[in-house]
Amino acid sequence: MPYDFQEHEEIIRAIEQARARRANSTGYEYGFVVVFEGEVSGWMNWLRSPEHWMPGALAIDAEGRVWEARGGDEYHGARRWERIRL
């Protein structure tokens, strides 16, 4: 599978958005900031319930590690979280 530079850039942008949210808000020191389609969509204290998120949503922890919601569909939500390694 060829390397997707556009996807890489989107993930880097999502990490930057999560860092900005953590820096500009209280209560985000831990847990996961969720980014979907270029917008911060929420926060959760631990990685759970992929069915509550659309496939393609990215969850970023305080260390900058990234998980993507995969599988499923728009109606039922994602089926799982998978770690993305850059």
C-alpha atoms as a PDB file:
ATOM      1  CA  MET A   1       0.000   0.000   0.000  1.00  0.00           C
ATOM      2  CA  PRO A   2       1.551   3.372  -1.005  1.00  0.00           C
ATOM      3  CA  TYR A   3       2.262   5.987   1.625  1.00  0.00           C
ATOM      4  CA  ASP A   4      -0.507   8.592   1.758  1.00  0.00           C
ATOM      5  CA  PHE A   5       1.063  12.006   2.400  1.00  0.00           C
ATOM      6  CA  GLN A   6      -2.339  13.727   2.526  1.00  0.00           C
ATOM      7  CA  GLU A   7      -3.518  11.372   5.274  1.00  0.00           C
ATOM      8  CA  HIS A   8      -0.262  11.959   7.163  1.00  0.00           C
ATOM      9  CA  GLU A   9      -0.785  15.734   6.996  1.00  0.00           C
ATOM     10  CA  GLU A  10      -4.384  15.360   8.228  1.00  0.00           C
ATOM     11  CA  ILE A  11      -3.200  13.315  11.201  1.00  0.00           C
ATOM     12  CA  ILE A  12      -0.484  15.859  12.040  1.00  0.00           C
ATOM     13  CA  ARG A  13      -3.119  18.630  11.878  1.00  0.00           C
ATOM     14  CA  ALA A  14      -5.396  16.635  14.188  1.00  0.00           C
ATOM     15  CA  ILE A  15      -2.549  16.215  16.700  1.00  0.00           C
ATOM     16  CA  GLU A  16      -1.938  19.971  16.595  1.00  0.00           C
ATOM     17  CA  GLN A  17      -5.658  20.652  17.124  1.00  0.00           C
ATOM     18  CA  ALA A  18      -5.733  18.296  20.113  1.00  0.00           C
ATOM     19  CA  ARG A  19      -2.667  20.002  21.626  1.00  0.00           C
ATOM     20  CA  ALA A  20      -4.264  23.435  21.129  1.00  0.00           C
ATOM     21  CA  ARG A  21      -7.495  22.256  22.805  1.00  0.00           C
ATOM     22  CA  ARG A  22      -5.537  20.908  25.757  1.00  0.00           C
ATOM     23  CA  ALA A  23      -3.522  24.145  26.049  1.00  0.00           C
ATOM     24  CA  ASN A  24      -6.564  26.433  25.831  1.00  0.00           C
ATOM     25  CA  SER A  25      -9.023  24.512  28.013  1.00  0.00           C
ATOM     26  CA  THR A  26      -9.112  23.063  31.501  1.00  0.00           C
ATOM     27  CA  GLY A  27      -9.894  19.412  32.149  1.00  0.00           C
ATOM     28  CA  TYR A  28      -8.126  18.060  29.058  1.00  0.00           C
ATOM     29  CA  GLU A  29      -4.833  17.174  30.720  1.00  0.00           C
ATOM     30  CA  TYR A  30      -5.483  13.459  30.219  1.00  0.00           C
ATOM     31  CA  GLY A  31      -7.842  11.349  28.147  1.00  0.00           C
ATOM     32  CA  PHE A  32      -8.509  11.614  24.423  1.00  0.00           C
ATOM     33  CA  VAL A  33      -9.434  14.595  22.272  1.00  0.00           C
ATOM     34  CA  VAL A  34     -11.483  13.399  19.277  1.00  0.00           C
ATOM     35  CA  VAL A  35     -11.110  15.092  15.892  1.00  0.00           C
ATOM     36  CA  PHE A  36     -13.398  14.387  12.940  1.00  0.00           C
ATOM     37  CA  GLU A  37     -13.196  15.974   9.494  1.00  0.00           C
ATOM     38  CA  GLY A  38     -10.805  18.640  10.714  1.00  0.00           C
ATOM     39  CA  GLU A  39     -12.820  19.712  13.776  1.00  0.00           C
ATOM     40  CA  VAL A  40     -12.469  18.873  17.453  1.00  0.00           C
ATOM     41  CA  SER A  41     -15.597  16.805  18.094  1.00  0.00           C
ATOM     42  CA  GLY A  42     -15.271  15.811  21.716  1.00  0.00           C
ATOM     43  CA  TRP A  43     -13.274  14.344  24.557  1.00  0.00           C
ATOM     44  CA  MET A  44     -13.358  11.095  26.536  1.00  0.00           C
ATOM     45  CA  ASN A  45     -11.438   9.995  29.594  1.00  0.00           C
ATOM     46  CA  TRP A  46     -10.542   6.594  28.130  1.00  0.00           C
ATOM     47  CA  LEU A  47     -10.731   5.010  24.689  1.00  0.00           C
ATOM     48  CA  ARG A  48     -14.134   3.350  24.489  1.00  0.00           C
ATOM     49  CA  SER A  49     -17.410   3.107  22.606  1.00  0.00           C
ATOM     50  CA  PRO A  50     -16.263   3.323  18.981  1.00  0.00           C
ATOM     51  CA  GLU A  51     -19.921   2.960  17.966  1.00  0.00           C
ATOM     52  CA  HIS A  52     -20.494   6.514  19.243  1.00  0.00           C
ATOM     53  CA  TRP A  53     -18.075   7.887  16.646  1.00  0.00           C
ATOM     54  CA  MET A  54     -18.054   7.993  12.858  1.00  0.00           C
ATOM     55  CA  PRO A  55     -15.502   5.854  11.042  1.00  0.00           C
ATOM     56  CA  GLY A  56     -12.487   8.058  10.391  1.00  0.00           C
ATOM     57  CA  ALA A  57     -12.648   9.931  13.703  1.00  0.00           C
ATOM     58  CA  LEU A  58      -9.239  10.313  15.335  1.00  0.00           C
ATOM     59  CA  ALA A  59      -8.662  10.045  19.093  1.00  0.00           C
ATOM     60  CA  ILE A  60      -5.456  11.693  20.327  1.00  0.00           C
ATOM     61  CA  ASP A  61      -4.088  11.128  23.827  1.00  0.00           C
ATOM     62  CA  ALA A  62      -2.013  13.591  25.870  1.00  0.00           C
ATOM     63  CA  GLU A  63       1.215  12.064  24.513  1.00  0.00           C
ATOM     64  CA  GLY A  64       0.160  12.664  20.895  1.00  0.00           C
ATOM     65  CA  ARG A  65      -0.586   8.999  20.129  1.00  0.00           C
ATOM     66  CA  VAL A  66      -3.415   8.524  17.641  1.00  0.00           C
ATOM     67  CA  TRP A  67      -6.180   5.963  17.213  1.00  0.00           C
ATOM     68  CA  GLU A  68      -8.648   5.877  14.328  1.00  0.00           C
ATOM     69  CA  ALA A  69     -12.262   4.720  14.513  1.00  0.00           C
ATOM     70  CA  ARG A  70     -12.584   2.020  11.837  1.00  0.00           C
ATOM     71  CA  GLY A  71     -15.117  -0.351  10.412  1.00  0.00           C
ATOM     72  CA  GLY A  72     -18.838   0.154  10.773  1.00  0.00           C
ATOM     73  CA  ASP A  73     -20.806   2.822   8.965  1.00  0.00           C
ATOM     74  CA  GLU A  74     -22.396   6.247   9.362  1.00  0.00           C
ATOM     75  CA  TYR A  75     -25.573   4.828  10.896  1.00  0.00           C
ATOM     76  CA  HIS A  76     -24.090   2.371  13.413  1.00  0.00           C
ATOM     77  CA  GLY A  77     -20.804   4.174  14.053  1.00  0.00           C
ATOM     78  CA  ALA A  78     -17.369   2.600  14.023  1.00  0.00           C
ATOM     79  CA  ARG A  79     -16.640  -0.943  15.172  1.00  0.00           C
ATOM     80  CA  ARG A  80     -13.203  -0.485  16.753  1.00  0.00           C
ATOM     81  CA  TRP A  81     -10.313   1.835  17.552  1.00  0.00           C
ATOM     82  CA  GLU A  82      -7.010   1.088  15.794  1.00  0.00           C
ATOM     83  CA  ARG A  83      -3.660   2.647  16.691  1.00  0.00           C
ATOM     84  CA  ILE A  84      -2.110   4.788  13.944  1.00  0.00           C
ATOM     85  CA  ARG A  85       1.667   4.846  13.974  1.00  0.00           C
ATOM     86  CA  LEU A  86       3.413   7.687  12.187  1.00  0.00           C
END
